[in-house]
Structure formats: structure tokens, C-alpha cells
Amino acid sequence: MTAHHELTRNQALVFNALAKAESPLSAYTILDRLRDDGFRAPLQVYRALDKLLDYGMIHRLESLNAFVACAHPHCADHGLIAFAICEKCGQVSEFSDPIIEGQVNEWTSRSGFRSSKTTVEIRGTCATCLNG
């Protein structure tokens, strides 16, 4: 994706912060991590996040009000993006499932509902935390 989009310095810094993070980051956490790089205001982070969202390079986890780097470079090709979020360690796994996507598409078609975006967030405990 970065091959198709020339990132500004701020966009690259925000993306790299998310790519290196072990768990989702809020905009204010990103701001705190990038203060040494010249970030002073939340607006700098939000502008970069908006563009990175537009480019499909990151995702917003609605239930956490936080952001993660996209784990699948072609996820924009899928109509449904899903996340499994561990409530113990904070790990986020991104996936798409054609069966779930098909069921959602079937429902929207039957209901006459036109979806613009479908995101599923599953909250629970990951296998590592369950077995650890």
C-alpha cells in the first residue's frame, strides 16, 4: 500500500508507531510516543490517522477507540474485516471469513440494507492467555 501512496513525514511516523506497537494505540498514546519527533498537538496525529485510514493502511477499532496497523495488505478487497481482541493481553488478530461475509451480504440483500462498511469485533481471551 505504501507503494501507491507517498506518505508525509507525520503519516510515516504514525504508521510506524502503530506497526511497532504490540497492542492497539489511542491517538493520545501515539501523540505521547511521538513527542520527541516534534508532535505537539492531537490534530497532527488525527490528520495522519485520517489519511492512513483512507489509504487502508490502518484500522480503527471502534470498541476500543484505538488504531492498529493493517495486518493484510489487500484487506480492502474484502467486504468484511474482523478482529479478535484479547481483553487480557490486548493482542488483536485481524481476519476475514468468506462464510461470515456471505451471511452478512445475504442478510443485507434480504433486508434491502446497503452497507458501506462491515467490521466485526470479537472481544474475549486469546489462546495464549487461556493456556498460560
N, C-alpha and C. Protein backbone atom coordinates (compact mmCIF):
# COMPACT_ATOMS: atom_id res chain seq x y z
N MET A 1 0.81 -1.19 0.00
CA MET A 1 0.00 0.00 0.00
C MET A 1 0.85 1.25 0.00
N THR A 2 1.93 1.25 0.74
CA THR A 2 2.76 2.44 0.75
C THR A 2 3.36 2.70 -0.62
N ALA A 3 3.44 1.65 -1.46
CA ALA A 3 3.97 1.86 -2.80
C ALA A 3 3.06 2.77 -3.62
N HIS A 4 1.76 2.77 -3.32
CA HIS A 4 0.82 3.59 -4.07
C HIS A 4 0.60 4.96 -3.45
N HIS A 5 1.05 5.13 -2.23
CA HIS A 5 0.82 6.40 -1.54
C HIS A 5 2.14 6.92 -0.97
N GLU A 6 2.45 8.14 -1.35
CA GLU A 6 3.64 8.79 -0.80
C GLU A 6 3.24 9.38 0.54
N LEU A 7 3.81 8.84 1.62
CA LEU A 7 3.44 9.29 2.96
C LEU A 7 4.22 10.54 3.34
N THR A 8 3.55 11.43 4.04
CA THR A 8 4.24 12.58 4.62
C THR A 8 5.07 12.07 5.80
N ARG A 9 5.91 12.90 6.31
CA ARG A 9 6.74 12.53 7.47
C ARG A 9 5.85 12.13 8.65
N ASN A 10 4.82 12.94 8.94
CA ASN A 10 3.94 12.64 10.07
C ASN A 10 3.17 11.34 9.86
N GLN A 11 2.69 11.11 8.63
CA GLN A 11 1.98 9.87 8.35
C GLN A 11 2.89 8.66 8.55
N ALA A 12 4.12 8.77 8.08
CA ALA A 12 5.08 7.67 8.23
C ALA A 12 5.38 7.41 9.70
N LEU A 13 5.54 8.47 10.48
CA LEU A 13 5.83 8.30 11.91
C LEU A 13 4.66 7.64 12.63
N VAL A 14 3.45 8.07 12.33
CA VAL A 14 2.26 7.49 12.96
C VAL A 14 2.11 6.03 12.54
N PHE A 15 2.27 5.75 11.25
CA PHE A 15 2.16 4.37 10.78
C PHE A 15 3.20 3.49 11.46
N ASN A 16 4.44 3.94 11.52
CA ASN A 16 5.50 3.14 12.14
C ASN A 16 5.23 2.90 13.62
N ALA A 17 4.68 3.89 14.30
CA ALA A 17 4.33 3.71 15.71
C ALA A 17 3.29 2.61 15.86
N LEU A 18 2.31 2.60 14.98
CA LEU A 18 1.27 1.56 15.03
C LEU A 18 1.83 0.20 14.62
N ALA A 19 2.68 0.18 13.61
CA ALA A 19 3.24 -1.09 13.12
C ALA A 19 4.12 -1.75 14.18
N LYS A 20 4.79 -0.96 15.00
CA LYS A 20 5.68 -1.49 16.04
C LYS A 20 4.95 -1.81 17.34
N ALA A 21 3.75 -1.31 17.49
CA ALA A 21 3.01 -1.49 18.74
C ALA A 21 2.55 -2.94 18.91
N GLU A 22 2.55 -3.39 20.14
CA GLU A 22 2.11 -4.75 20.42
C GLU A 22 0.61 -4.83 20.69
N SER A 23 -0.01 -3.68 20.80
CA SER A 23 -1.45 -3.64 21.01
C SER A 23 -1.98 -2.35 20.38
N PRO A 24 -3.30 -2.21 20.27
CA PRO A 24 -3.87 -1.00 19.67
C PRO A 24 -3.46 0.25 20.45
N LEU A 25 -3.36 1.36 19.73
CA LEU A 25 -2.97 2.63 20.35
C LEU A 25 -4.05 3.68 20.13
N SER A 26 -4.32 4.46 21.16
CA SER A 26 -5.22 5.60 21.01
C SER A 26 -4.43 6.74 20.39
N ALA A 27 -5.14 7.73 19.88
CA ALA A 27 -4.48 8.89 19.28
C ALA A 27 -3.59 9.59 20.29
N TYR A 28 -4.03 9.68 21.54
CA TYR A 28 -3.24 10.37 22.55
C TYR A 28 -2.00 9.57 22.95
N THR A 29 -2.07 8.25 22.90
CA THR A 29 -0.89 7.42 23.16
C THR A 29 0.12 7.62 22.03
N ILE A 30 -0.38 7.68 20.80
CA ILE A 30 0.51 7.94 19.66
C ILE A 30 1.18 9.30 19.83
N LEU A 31 0.40 10.31 20.22
CA LEU A 31 0.95 11.65 20.44
C LEU A 31 2.07 11.60 21.48
N ASP A 32 1.84 10.91 22.59
CA ASP A 32 2.86 10.80 23.63
C ASP A 32 4.13 10.12 23.11
N ARG A 33 3.96 9.08 22.30
CA ARG A 33 5.12 8.35 21.77
C ARG A 33 5.90 9.16 20.74
N LEU A 34 5.25 10.13 20.12
CA LEU A 34 5.90 10.89 19.04
C LEU A 34 6.28 12.31 19.44
N ARG A 35 6.19 12.64 20.70
CA ARG A 35 6.56 14.00 21.13
C ARG A 35 8.03 14.32 20.82
N ASP A 36 8.91 13.33 20.98
CA ASP A 36 10.32 13.55 20.67
C ASP A 36 10.57 13.76 19.18
N ASP A 37 9.59 13.40 18.35
CA ASP A 37 9.70 13.59 16.91
C ASP A 37 9.03 14.88 16.44
N GLY A 38 8.64 15.73 17.39
CA GLY A 38 8.08 17.02 17.05
C GLY A 38 6.57 17.13 17.10
N PHE A 39 5.89 16.07 17.48
CA PHE A 39 4.43 16.14 17.59
C PHE A 39 4.07 16.91 18.85
N ARG A 40 3.19 17.89 18.71
CA ARG A 40 2.81 18.72 19.84
C ARG A 40 1.30 18.75 20.07
N ALA A 41 0.52 18.50 19.02
CA ALA A 41 -0.93 18.66 19.13
C ALA A 41 -1.66 17.41 18.61
N PRO A 42 -2.78 17.09 19.23
CA PRO A 42 -3.57 15.94 18.78
C PRO A 42 -3.95 16.04 17.30
N LEU A 43 -4.18 17.26 16.81
CA LEU A 43 -4.57 17.44 15.41
C LEU A 43 -3.54 16.85 14.45
N GLN A 44 -2.25 16.93 14.79
CA GLN A 44 -1.22 16.35 13.94
C GLN A 44 -1.43 14.84 13.81
N VAL A 45 -1.76 14.20 14.91
CA VAL A 45 -1.98 12.75 14.90
C VAL A 45 -3.26 12.43 14.14
N TYR A 46 -4.33 13.15 14.44
CA TYR A 46 -5.62 12.86 13.79
C TYR A 46 -5.56 13.05 12.28
N ARG A 47 -4.85 14.05 11.82
CA ARG A 47 -4.71 14.25 10.36
C ARG A 47 -4.01 13.06 9.72
N ALA A 48 -2.92 12.62 10.35
CA ALA A 48 -2.18 11.46 9.83
C ALA A 48 -3.05 10.20 9.88
N LEU A 49 -3.77 10.00 10.99
CA LEU A 49 -4.64 8.82 11.11
C LEU A 49 -5.72 8.82 10.03
N ASP A 50 -6.32 9.98 9.78
CA ASP A 50 -7.37 10.07 8.75
C ASP A 50 -6.85 9.64 7.38
N LYS A 51 -5.68 10.10 7.01
CA LYS A 51 -5.11 9.73 5.71
C LYS A 51 -4.75 8.25 5.68
N LEU A 52 -4.16 7.75 6.76
CA LEU A 52 -3.79 6.33 6.80
C LEU A 52 -5.03 5.43 6.75
N LEU A 53 -6.12 5.87 7.36
CA LEU A 53 -7.40 5.15 7.24
C LEU A 53 -7.88 5.17 5.80
N ASP A 54 -7.82 6.34 5.15
CA ASP A 54 -8.22 6.47 3.75
C ASP A 54 -7.40 5.55 2.85
N TYR A 55 -6.11 5.42 3.15
CA TYR A 55 -5.21 4.59 2.35
C TYR A 55 -5.40 3.09 2.65
N GLY A 56 -6.15 2.76 3.69
CA GLY A 56 -6.35 1.36 4.06
C GLY A 56 -5.15 0.74 4.77
N MET A 57 -4.28 1.57 5.29
CA MET A 57 -3.06 1.07 5.94
C MET A 57 -3.27 0.78 7.43
N ILE A 58 -4.32 1.35 8.00
CA ILE A 58 -4.62 1.14 9.41
C ILE A 58 -6.13 0.91 9.57
N HIS A 59 -6.50 0.44 10.74
CA HIS A 59 -7.91 0.25 11.06
C HIS A 59 -8.21 0.91 12.40
N ARG A 60 -9.43 1.36 12.53
CA ARG A 60 -9.90 1.89 13.82
C ARG A 60 -10.74 0.81 14.48
N LEU A 61 -10.40 0.48 15.71
CA LEU A 61 -11.19 -0.46 16.49
C LEU A 61 -12.19 0.36 17.26
N GLU A 62 -13.43 0.31 16.82
CA GLU A 62 -14.49 1.15 17.38
C GLU A 62 -14.67 0.93 18.88
N SER A 63 -14.68 -0.33 19.30
CA SER A 63 -14.97 -0.63 20.70
C SER A 63 -13.87 -0.15 21.64
N LEU A 64 -12.67 0.04 21.12
CA LEU A 64 -11.54 0.49 21.95
C LEU A 64 -11.18 1.95 21.69
N ASN A 65 -11.76 2.54 20.67
CA ASN A 65 -11.38 3.88 20.22
C ASN A 65 -9.86 3.96 20.06
N ALA A 66 -9.34 2.97 19.34
CA ALA A 66 -7.89 2.85 19.15
C ALA A 66 -7.62 2.38 17.72
N PHE A 67 -6.36 2.38 17.35
CA PHE A 67 -5.96 2.09 15.98
C PHE A 67 -4.91 0.99 15.95
N VAL A 68 -4.92 0.22 14.84
CA VAL A 68 -3.91 -0.81 14.60
C VAL A 68 -3.47 -0.72 13.15
N ALA A 69 -2.22 -1.14 12.89
CA ALA A 69 -1.75 -1.23 11.51
C ALA A 69 -2.45 -2.41 10.85
N CYS A 70 -2.74 -2.28 9.57
CA CYS A 70 -3.39 -3.35 8.83
C CYS A 70 -2.46 -4.55 8.73
N ALA A 71 -2.97 -5.72 9.06
CA ALA A 71 -2.17 -6.94 9.02
C ALA A 71 -2.21 -7.60 7.64
N HIS A 72 -3.17 -7.21 6.81
CA HIS A 72 -3.34 -7.82 5.49
C HIS A 72 -3.35 -6.72 4.44
N PRO A 73 -2.32 -6.68 3.60
CA PRO A 73 -2.20 -5.57 2.66
C PRO A 73 -3.35 -5.46 1.66
N HIS A 74 -4.11 -6.51 1.46
CA HIS A 74 -5.20 -6.46 0.48
C HIS A 74 -6.56 -6.60 1.14
N CYS A 75 -6.67 -6.22 2.41
CA CYS A 75 -7.94 -6.41 3.10
C CYS A 75 -9.04 -5.52 2.53
N ALA A 76 -8.68 -4.47 1.83
CA ALA A 76 -9.70 -3.61 1.21
C ALA A 76 -10.47 -4.38 0.14
N ASP A 77 -9.90 -5.49 -0.33
CA ASP A 77 -10.57 -6.33 -1.31
C ASP A 77 -11.73 -7.11 -0.69
N HIS A 78 -11.72 -7.23 0.63
CA HIS A 78 -12.77 -7.96 1.34
C HIS A 78 -13.87 -6.98 1.76
N GLY A 79 -15.10 -7.45 1.74
CA GLY A 79 -16.20 -6.61 2.17
C GLY A 79 -16.36 -6.60 3.67
N LEU A 80 -15.71 -7.55 4.36
CA LEU A 80 -15.85 -7.66 5.80
C LEU A 80 -14.46 -7.82 6.40
N ILE A 81 -14.19 -7.05 7.42
CA ILE A 81 -12.95 -7.16 8.17
C ILE A 81 -13.34 -7.49 9.60
N ALA A 82 -12.65 -8.46 10.19
CA ALA A 82 -12.97 -8.87 11.55
C ALA A 82 -11.72 -8.82 12.42
N PHE A 83 -11.96 -8.56 13.71
CA PHE A 83 -10.87 -8.50 14.67
C PHE A 83 -11.24 -9.30 15.90
N ALA A 84 -10.30 -10.11 16.38
CA ALA A 84 -10.44 -10.79 17.66
C ALA A 84 -9.54 -10.05 18.63
N ILE A 85 -10.12 -9.51 19.69
CA ILE A 85 -9.41 -8.64 20.63
C ILE A 85 -9.34 -9.34 21.97
N CYS A 86 -8.11 -9.62 22.45
CA CYS A 86 -7.95 -10.26 23.75
C CYS A 86 -8.06 -9.20 24.85
N GLU A 87 -8.97 -9.43 25.78
CA GLU A 87 -9.19 -8.47 26.86
C GLU A 87 -8.14 -8.58 27.95
N LYS A 88 -7.31 -9.64 27.91
CA LYS A 88 -6.26 -9.79 28.92
C LYS A 88 -4.95 -9.15 28.47
N CYS A 89 -4.46 -9.55 27.29
CA CYS A 89 -3.14 -9.07 26.85
C CYS A 89 -3.23 -7.95 25.82
N GLY A 90 -4.41 -7.71 25.25
CA GLY A 90 -4.57 -6.64 24.28
C GLY A 90 -4.22 -7.01 22.85
N GLN A 91 -3.83 -8.25 22.61
CA GLN A 91 -3.48 -8.68 21.26
C GLN A 91 -4.71 -8.60 20.36
N VAL A 92 -4.48 -8.16 19.13
CA VAL A 92 -5.55 -8.05 18.14
C VAL A 92 -5.16 -8.90 16.94
N SER A 93 -6.06 -9.79 16.54
CA SER A 93 -5.85 -10.60 15.34
C SER A 93 -6.87 -10.15 14.30
N GLU A 94 -6.37 -9.82 13.13
CA GLU A 94 -7.22 -9.38 12.03
C GLU A 94 -7.47 -10.56 11.10
N PHE A 95 -8.72 -10.72 10.68
CA PHE A 95 -9.03 -11.80 9.74
C PHE A 95 -10.26 -11.44 8.92
N SER A 96 -10.45 -12.18 7.84
CA SER A 96 -11.68 -12.10 7.07
C SER A 96 -12.14 -13.53 6.84
N ASP A 97 -13.45 -13.70 6.77
CA ASP A 97 -14.01 -15.03 6.62
C ASP A 97 -15.11 -14.97 5.57
N PRO A 98 -14.94 -15.70 4.47
CA PRO A 98 -15.93 -15.63 3.39
C PRO A 98 -17.32 -16.14 3.80
N ILE A 99 -17.39 -17.05 4.75
CA ILE A 99 -18.69 -17.56 5.19
C ILE A 99 -19.46 -16.48 5.94
N ILE A 100 -18.78 -15.81 6.87
CA ILE A 100 -19.42 -14.72 7.61
C ILE A 100 -19.79 -13.59 6.65
N GLU A 101 -18.87 -13.27 5.77
CA GLU A 101 -19.14 -12.21 4.79
C GLU A 101 -20.36 -12.56 3.94
N GLY A 102 -20.46 -13.80 3.53
CA GLY A 102 -21.60 -14.25 2.74
C GLY A 102 -22.91 -14.13 3.50
N GLN A 103 -22.89 -14.49 4.79
CA GLN A 103 -24.10 -14.39 5.59
C GLN A 103 -24.51 -12.94 5.79
N VAL A 104 -23.56 -12.07 6.00
CA VAL A 104 -23.87 -10.64 6.15
C VAL A 104 -24.43 -10.10 4.84
N ASN A 105 -23.81 -10.46 3.72
CA ASN A 105 -24.30 -10.00 2.42
C ASN A 105 -25.71 -10.52 2.14
N GLU A 106 -25.96 -11.76 2.52
CA GLU A 106 -27.30 -12.34 2.33
C GLU A 106 -28.33 -11.57 3.16
N TRP A 107 -28.00 -11.27 4.40
CA TRP A 107 -28.92 -10.52 5.26
C TRP A 107 -29.19 -9.13 4.69
N THR A 108 -28.13 -8.44 4.28
CA THR A 108 -28.32 -7.08 3.77
C THR A 108 -29.17 -7.10 2.50
N SER A 109 -28.96 -8.10 1.66
CA SER A 109 -29.73 -8.21 0.44
C SER A 109 -31.21 -8.46 0.75
N ARG A 110 -31.47 -9.40 1.65
CA ARG A 110 -32.86 -9.71 2.03
C ARG A 110 -33.54 -8.52 2.68
N SER A 111 -32.78 -7.76 3.46
CA SER A 111 -33.35 -6.65 4.23
C SER A 111 -33.42 -5.35 3.45
N GLY A 112 -32.84 -5.33 2.26
CA GLY A 112 -32.82 -4.09 1.49
C GLY A 112 -31.92 -3.05 2.12
N PHE A 113 -30.92 -3.51 2.83
CA PHE A 113 -29.98 -2.62 3.52
C PHE A 113 -28.71 -2.53 2.70
N ARG A 114 -28.24 -1.31 2.47
CA ARG A 114 -26.99 -1.13 1.73
C ARG A 114 -25.89 -0.76 2.73
N SER A 115 -24.95 -1.69 2.92
CA SER A 115 -23.87 -1.41 3.87
C SER A 115 -22.73 -0.70 3.15
N SER A 116 -22.07 0.18 3.86
CA SER A 116 -20.91 0.87 3.30
C SER A 116 -19.62 0.30 3.84
N LYS A 117 -19.70 -0.34 4.99
CA LYS A 117 -18.51 -0.90 5.63
C LYS A 117 -18.99 -1.91 6.66
N THR A 118 -18.31 -3.06 6.73
CA THR A 118 -18.67 -4.06 7.72
C THR A 118 -17.42 -4.44 8.51
N THR A 119 -17.49 -4.20 9.81
CA THR A 119 -16.40 -4.55 10.70
C THR A 119 -16.97 -5.33 11.86
N VAL A 120 -16.34 -6.47 12.15
CA VAL A 120 -16.76 -7.30 13.28
C VAL A 120 -15.64 -7.27 14.31
N GLU A 121 -16.01 -7.01 15.56
CA GLU A 121 -15.04 -7.05 16.65
C GLU A 121 -15.50 -8.09 17.66
N ILE A 122 -14.64 -9.07 17.88
CA ILE A 122 -14.93 -10.14 18.84
C ILE A 122 -14.02 -9.90 20.04
N ARG A 123 -14.61 -9.71 21.20
CA ARG A 123 -13.85 -9.46 22.43
C ARG A 123 -13.85 -10.74 23.26
N GLY A 124 -12.71 -11.07 23.84
CA GLY A 124 -12.61 -12.28 24.66
C GLY A 124 -11.19 -12.52 25.10
N THR A 125 -10.80 -13.78 25.18
CA THR A 125 -9.47 -14.17 25.65
C THR A 125 -8.78 -15.02 24.59
N CYS A 126 -7.56 -14.66 24.24
CA CYS A 126 -6.81 -15.39 23.21
C CYS A 126 -6.31 -16.74 23.75
N ALA A 127 -5.90 -17.60 22.84
CA ALA A 127 -5.43 -18.94 23.21
C ALA A 127 -4.22 -18.87 24.14
N THR A 128 -3.31 -17.94 23.90
CA THR A 128 -2.12 -17.81 24.73
C THR A 128 -2.49 -17.51 26.17
N CYS A 129 -3.41 -16.57 26.37
CA CYS A 129 -3.83 -16.22 27.74
C CYS A 129 -4.64 -17.34 28.38
N LEU A 130 -5.44 -18.05 27.58
CA LEU A 130 -6.22 -19.16 28.11
C LEU A 130 -5.33 -20.30 28.59
N ASN A 131 -4.26 -20.53 27.86
CA ASN A 131 -3.37 -21.66 28.17
C ASN A 131 -2.20 -21.29 29.06
N GLY A 132 -2.05 -19.99 29.31
CA GLY A 132 -0.87 -19.53 30.07
C GLY A 132 -1.18 -19.36 31.47
